[in-house]
C-alpha atoms as a PDB file:
ATOM      1  CA  MET A   1    -129.998  10.696 135.523  1.00  0.00           C
ATOM      2  CA  ALA A   2    -129.957  14.361 136.497  1.00  0.00           C
ATOM      3  CA  GLU A   3    -132.697  15.546 134.149  1.00  0.00           C
ATOM      4  CA  LYS A   4    -135.854  13.513 133.696  1.00  0.00           C
ATOM      5  CA  ARG A   5    -136.786  12.814 130.108  1.00  0.00           C
ATOM      6  CA  ASN A   6    -140.181  13.545 128.620  1.00  0.00           C
ATOM      7  CA  ILE A   7    -142.110  11.075 126.493  1.00  0.00           C
ATOM      8  CA  PHE A   8    -144.667  12.458 124.072  1.00  0.00           C
ATOM      9  CA  LEU A   9    -147.231  10.177 122.435  1.00  0.00           C
ATOM     10  CA  VAL A  10    -148.591  11.106 119.007  1.00  0.00           C
ATOM     11  CA  GLY A  11    -150.949   9.264 116.714  1.00  0.00           C
ATOM     12  CA  PRO A  12    -154.507   9.220 115.453  1.00  0.00           C
ATOM     13  CA  MET A  13    -157.630   9.164 117.589  1.00  0.00           C
ATOM     14  CA  GLY A  14    -158.259   5.651 118.810  1.00  0.00           C
ATOM     15  CA  ALA A  15    -154.565   4.667 118.848  1.00  0.00           C
ATOM     16  CA  GLY A  16    -154.617   4.423 122.648  1.00  0.00           C
ATOM     17  CA  LYS A  17    -152.465   7.448 123.511  1.00  0.00           C
ATOM     18  CA  SER A  18    -154.248   8.248 126.786  1.00  0.00           C
ATOM     19  CA  THR A  19    -154.551   4.675 128.052  1.00  0.00           C
ATOM     20  CA  ILE A  20    -151.014   3.705 127.039  1.00  0.00           C
ATOM     21  CA  GLY A  21    -149.697   7.013 128.386  1.00  0.00           C
ATOM     22  CA  ARG A  22    -151.139   6.314 131.840  1.00  0.00           C
ATOM     23  CA  HIS A  23    -149.494   2.865 131.928  1.00  0.00           C
ATOM     24  CA  LEU A  24    -146.201   4.325 130.721  1.00  0.00           C
ATOM     25  CA  ALA A  25    -146.253   7.081 133.348  1.00  0.00           C
ATOM     26  CA  ASP A  26    -147.045   4.544 136.098  1.00  0.00           C
ATOM     27  CA  GLU A  27    -144.232   2.216 135.025  1.00  0.00           C
ATOM     28  CA  LEU A  28    -141.670   5.032 134.792  1.00  0.00           C
ATOM     29  CA  HIS A  29    -142.933   6.972 137.852  1.00  0.00           C
ATOM     30  CA  LEU A  30    -143.551  10.062 135.731  1.00  0.00           C
ATOM     31  CA  GLU A  31    -146.429  12.523 135.761  1.00  0.00           C
ATOM     32  CA  PHE A  32    -149.086  11.918 133.073  1.00  0.00           C
ATOM     33  CA  PHE A  33    -150.871  14.617 131.072  1.00  0.00           C
ATOM     34  CA  ASP A  34    -153.397  14.418 128.254  1.00  0.00           C
ATOM     35  CA  SER A  35    -153.522  17.624 126.204  1.00  0.00           C
ATOM     36  CA  ASP A  36    -157.264  17.290 125.506  1.00  0.00           C
ATOM     37  CA  GLN A  37    -158.068  16.756 129.197  1.00  0.00           C
ATOM     38  CA  GLU A  38    -155.829  19.675 130.101  1.00  0.00           C
ATOM     39  CA  ILE A  39    -157.671  21.943 127.634  1.00  0.00           C
ATOM     40  CA  GLU A  40    -160.978  20.902 129.196  1.00  0.00           C
ATOM     41  CA  ARG A  41    -159.626  21.398 132.718  1.00  0.00           C
ATOM     42  CA  ARG A  42    -158.244  24.870 131.994  1.00  0.00           C
ATOM     43  CA  THR A  43    -161.229  26.136 130.006  1.00  0.00           C
ATOM     44  CA  GLY A  44    -163.973  24.431 131.990  1.00  0.00           C
ATOM     45  CA  ALA A  45    -165.509  23.368 128.669  1.00  0.00           C
ATOM     46  CA  ASP A  46    -165.449  20.137 126.733  1.00  0.00           C
ATOM     47  CA  ILE A  47    -163.645  19.784 123.410  1.00  0.00           C
ATOM     48  CA  ALA A  48    -166.869  19.483 121.382  1.00  0.00           C
ATOM     49  CA  TRP A  49    -168.178  22.757 122.824  1.00  0.00           C
ATOM     50  CA  ILE A  50    -164.887  24.545 122.054  1.00  0.00           C
ATOM     51  CA  PHE A  51    -165.056  23.195 118.471  1.00  0.00           C
ATOM     52  CA  ASP A  52    -168.662  24.433 118.145  1.00  0.00           C
ATOM     53  CA  LEU A  53    -167.867  27.857 119.533  1.00  0.00           C
ATOM     54  CA  GLU A  54    -164.375  28.555 118.158  1.00  0.00           C
ATOM     55  CA  GLY A  55    -164.102  26.123 115.260  1.00  0.00           C
ATOM     56  CA  GLU A  56    -161.151  23.844 114.670  1.00  0.00           C
ATOM     57  CA  ASP A  57    -158.746  26.792 114.272  1.00  0.00           C
ATOM     58  CA  GLY A  58    -159.640  28.175 117.704  1.00  0.00           C
ATOM     59  CA  PHE A  59    -159.267  24.754 119.263  1.00  0.00           C
ATOM     60  CA  ARG A  60    -155.871  24.172 117.583  1.00  0.00           C
ATOM     61  CA  LYS A  61    -154.603  27.506 118.948  1.00  0.00           C
ATOM     62  CA  ARG A  62    -155.588  26.470 122.483  1.00  0.00           C
ATOM     63  CA  GLU A  63    -154.006  23.063 121.911  1.00  0.00           C
ATOM     64  CA  GLU A  64    -150.750  24.624 120.700  1.00  0.00           C
ATOM     65  CA  ASP A  65    -150.562  26.879 123.788  1.00  0.00           C
ATOM     66  CA  ILE A  66    -151.231  24.004 126.195  1.00  0.00           C
ATOM     67  CA  ILE A  67    -148.721  21.690 124.511  1.00  0.00           C
ATOM     68  CA  ASN A  68    -146.157  24.492 124.707  1.00  0.00           C
ATOM     69  CA  ASP A  69    -146.831  24.805 128.466  1.00  0.00           C
ATOM     70  CA  LEU A  70    -146.785  21.065 129.127  1.00  0.00           C
ATOM     71  CA  THR A  71    -143.624  20.369 127.121  1.00  0.00           C
ATOM     72  CA  ASP A  72    -141.771  22.858 129.317  1.00  0.00           C
ATOM     73  CA  LYS A  73    -142.154  20.431 132.226  1.00  0.00           C
ATOM     74  CA  GLN A  74    -139.583  17.741 133.047  1.00  0.00           C
ATOM     75  CA  GLY A  75    -140.316  14.065 133.594  1.00  0.00           C
ATOM     76  CA  ILE A  76    -143.764  13.780 132.033  1.00  0.00           C
ATOM     77  CA  VAL A  77    -145.639  11.511 129.687  1.00  0.00           C
ATOM     78  CA  LEU A  78    -147.920  13.537 127.406  1.00  0.00           C
ATOM     79  CA  ALA A  79    -150.712  12.114 125.257  1.00  0.00           C
ATOM     80  CA  THR A  80    -151.288  14.688 122.509  1.00  0.00           C
ATOM     81  CA  GLY A  81    -154.452  15.261 120.520  1.00  0.00           C
ATOM     82  CA  GLY A  82    -154.510  13.453 117.175  1.00  0.00           C
ATOM     83  CA  GLY A  83    -154.450  16.688 115.185  1.00  0.00           C
ATOM     84  CA  SER A  84    -151.814  18.505 117.226  1.00  0.00           C
ATOM     85  CA  VAL A  85    -149.065  17.524 114.761  1.00  0.00           C
ATOM     86  CA  VAL A  86    -150.667  19.637 112.042  1.00  0.00           C
ATOM     87  CA  SER A  87    -148.950  22.599 113.721  1.00  0.00           C
ATOM     88  CA  LYS A  88    -145.288  22.928 112.748  1.00  0.00           C
ATOM     89  CA  ALA A  89    -144.682  24.747 116.051  1.00  0.00           C
ATOM     90  CA  VAL A  90    -146.069  21.775 117.995  1.00  0.00           C
ATOM     91  CA  ARG A  91    -143.965  19.297 116.003  1.00  0.00           C
ATOM     92  CA  ASN A  92    -140.852  21.391 116.678  1.00  0.00           C
ATOM     93  CA  ARG A  93    -141.586  21.606 120.412  1.00  0.00           C
ATOM     94  CA  LEU A  94    -142.243  17.892 120.724  1.00  0.00           C
ATOM     95  CA  SER A  95    -139.010  17.043 118.889  1.00  0.00           C
ATOM     96  CA  ALA A  96    -136.922  19.497 120.883  1.00  0.00           C
ATOM     97  CA  ARG A  97    -138.303  18.736 124.335  1.00  0.00           C
ATOM     98  CA  GLY A  98    -138.623  14.970 124.560  1.00  0.00           C
ATOM     99  CA  ILE A  99    -138.819  11.523 123.014  1.00  0.00           C
ATOM    100  CA  VAL A 100    -141.683  11.256 120.533  1.00  0.00           C
ATOM    101  CA  VAL A 101    -143.443   7.912 120.098  1.00  0.00           C
ATOM    102  CA  TYR A 102    -145.916   7.458 117.245  1.00  0.00           C
ATOM    103  CA  LEU A 103    -148.627   4.989 118.214  1.00  0.00           C
ATOM    104  CA  GLN A 104    -149.655   3.506 114.907  1.00  0.00           C
ATOM    105  CA  THR A 105    -153.010   1.815 114.322  1.00  0.00           C
ATOM    106  CA  THR A 106    -155.181   0.732 111.410  1.00  0.00           C
ATOM    107  CA  ILE A 107    -158.310   2.529 110.227  1.00  0.00           C
ATOM    108  CA  ASP A 108    -160.356  -0.565 111.167  1.00  0.00           C
ATOM    109  CA  LYS A 109    -159.118  -0.413 114.769  1.00  0.00           C
ATOM    110  CA  GLN A 110    -159.754   3.334 114.906  1.00  0.00           C
ATOM    111  CA  VAL A 111    -163.340   2.829 113.719  1.00  0.00           C
ATOM    112  CA  ALA A 112    -163.900   0.069 116.288  1.00  0.00           C
ATOM    113  CA  ARG A 113    -162.384   2.102 119.124  1.00  0.00           C
ATOM    114  CA  THR A 114    -164.160   5.393 118.347  1.00  0.00           C
ATOM    115  CA  GLN A 115    -167.583   4.335 117.049  1.00  0.00           C
ATOM    116  CA  ARG A 116    -169.448   4.915 120.322  1.00  0.00           C
ATOM    117  CA  ASP A 117    -167.460   7.967 121.386  1.00  0.00           C
ATOM    118  CA  LYS A 118    -169.552  11.118 121.017  1.00  0.00           C
ATOM    119  CA  ARG A 119    -166.703  13.324 122.261  1.00  0.00           C
ATOM    120  CA  ARG A 120    -164.829  13.402 118.950  1.00  0.00           C
ATOM    121  CA  PRO A 121    -166.063  16.437 116.997  1.00  0.00           C
ATOM    122  CA  LEU A 122    -164.415  15.481 113.708  1.00  0.00           C
ATOM    123  CA  LEU A 123    -166.311  12.167 113.631  1.00  0.00           C
ATOM    124  CA  GLN A 124    -169.792  13.544 114.291  1.00  0.00           C
ATOM    125  CA  ASN A 125    -170.614  14.562 110.724  1.00  0.00           C
ATOM    126  CA  GLY A 126    -170.670  12.079 107.897  1.00  0.00           C
ATOM    127  CA  ASN A 127    -168.905   8.790 107.344  1.00  0.00           C
ATOM    128  CA  ALA A 128    -166.504   8.267 110.261  1.00  0.00           C
ATOM    129  CA  GLU A 129    -164.403   5.710 108.368  1.00  0.00           C
ATOM    130  CA  GLN A 130    -163.897   8.107 105.442  1.00  0.00           C
ATOM    131  CA  VAL A 131    -163.074  10.970 107.832  1.00  0.00           C
ATOM    132  CA  LEU A 132    -160.454   8.750 109.532  1.00  0.00           C
ATOM    133  CA  ARG A 133    -158.991   7.777 106.125  1.00  0.00           C
ATOM    134  CA  ASP A 134    -158.765  11.437 105.091  1.00  0.00           C
ATOM    135  CA  LEU A 135    -157.148  12.409 108.406  1.00  0.00           C
ATOM    136  CA  ALA A 136    -154.669   9.519 108.103  1.00  0.00           C
ATOM    137  CA  GLY A 137    -153.634  10.711 104.647  1.00  0.00           C
ATOM    138  CA  GLU A 138    -152.957  14.187 106.002  1.00  0.00           C
ATOM    139  CA  ARG A 139    -151.496  13.343 109.407  1.00  0.00           C
ATOM    140  CA  ASN A 140    -149.646  10.007 109.165  1.00  0.00           C
ATOM    141  CA  PRO A 141    -146.672  11.588 107.335  1.00  0.00           C
ATOM    142  CA  LEU A 142    -146.499  14.232 110.110  1.00  0.00           C
ATOM    143  CA  TYR A 143    -146.536  11.574 112.844  1.00  0.00           C
ATOM    144  CA  GLU A 144    -143.710   9.790 111.024  1.00  0.00           C
ATOM    145  CA  GLU A 145    -141.765  13.044 110.588  1.00  0.00           C
ATOM    146  CA  VAL A 146    -141.825  13.871 114.304  1.00  0.00           C
ATOM    147  CA  ALA A 147    -141.439  10.327 115.688  1.00  0.00           C
ATOM    148  CA  ASP A 148    -138.290   9.014 117.332  1.00  0.00           C
ATOM    149  CA  TYR A 149    -139.997   5.604 117.639  1.00  0.00           C
ATOM    150  CA  ILE A 150    -143.001   3.986 115.962  1.00  0.00           C
ATOM    151  CA  VAL A 151    -144.995   1.366 117.865  1.00  0.00           C
ATOM    152  CA  GLU A 152    -147.913  -0.644 116.458  1.00  0.00           C
ATOM    153  CA  THR A 153    -150.851  -0.780 118.911  1.00  0.00           C
ATOM    154  CA  ASP A 154    -153.442  -2.934 117.142  1.00  0.00           C
ATOM    155  CA  ASP A 155    -152.965  -6.394 118.623  1.00  0.00           C
ATOM    156  CA  GLN A 156    -151.467  -5.600 122.027  1.00  0.00           C
ATOM    157  CA  SER A 157    -152.837  -4.504 125.372  1.00  0.00           C
ATOM    158  CA  ALA A 158    -152.040  -0.982 126.564  1.00  0.00           C
ATOM    159  CA  ARG A 159    -149.731  -2.449 129.221  1.00  0.00           C
ATOM    160  CA  ALA A 160    -147.841  -4.481 126.599  1.00  0.00           C
ATOM    161  CA  VAL A 161    -147.418  -1.415 124.376  1.00  0.00           C
ATOM    162  CA  ALA A 162    -146.119   0.599 127.352  1.00  0.00           C
ATOM    163  CA  SER A 163    -143.570  -2.156 128.091  1.00  0.00           C
ATOM    164  CA  GLN A 164    -142.524  -2.230 124.440  1.00  0.00           C
ATOM    165  CA  ILE A 165    -141.978   1.540 124.447  1.00  0.00           C
ATOM    166  CA  ILE A 166    -139.864   1.323 127.611  1.00  0.00           C
ATOM    167  CA  SER A 167    -137.661  -1.385 126.117  1.00  0.00           C
ATOM    168  CA  GLN A 168    -137.345   0.384 122.732  1.00  0.00           C
ATOM    169  CA  ILE A 169    -136.330   3.654 124.364  1.00  0.00           C
ATOM    170  CA  GLY A 170    -133.999   1.839 126.716  1.00  0.00           C
ATOM    171  CA  LEU A 171    -135.349   3.237 129.981  1.00  0.00           C
END
């Protein structure tokens, strides 16, 4: 294989993109990136602070730029932010530059996995379950649109999901 393939993970917050992505990268001997962590690393500020200062629009612009940079690399696994797919430019880049895997999960699992996490700005105001339902209504069709593969994460360990992705993709 002359050119290493990229694998991009999309899905809602709490789907396990970062954890599964690390396992996937380890198994395939690829470099792992998380777009949210990369934003924090490059700006020296956490996501919540960027949201407070620049609003969601400012954050999404940063996210789009970083995903553009990262998708130019070869042989990576990238865990994207849950809202990154709202940008048509991001969806186009992901589709053009790698294999896109949608990690699907239920609202109940998302609530359970995110309830103690104070680093998720969109869940800090109001009813988290309703926010997640609203986001799912907006974003799930976009995840489906961009996905080459859809993998259910609810009742499997991160390692098992990574193995399932590898076998589905045929790597």
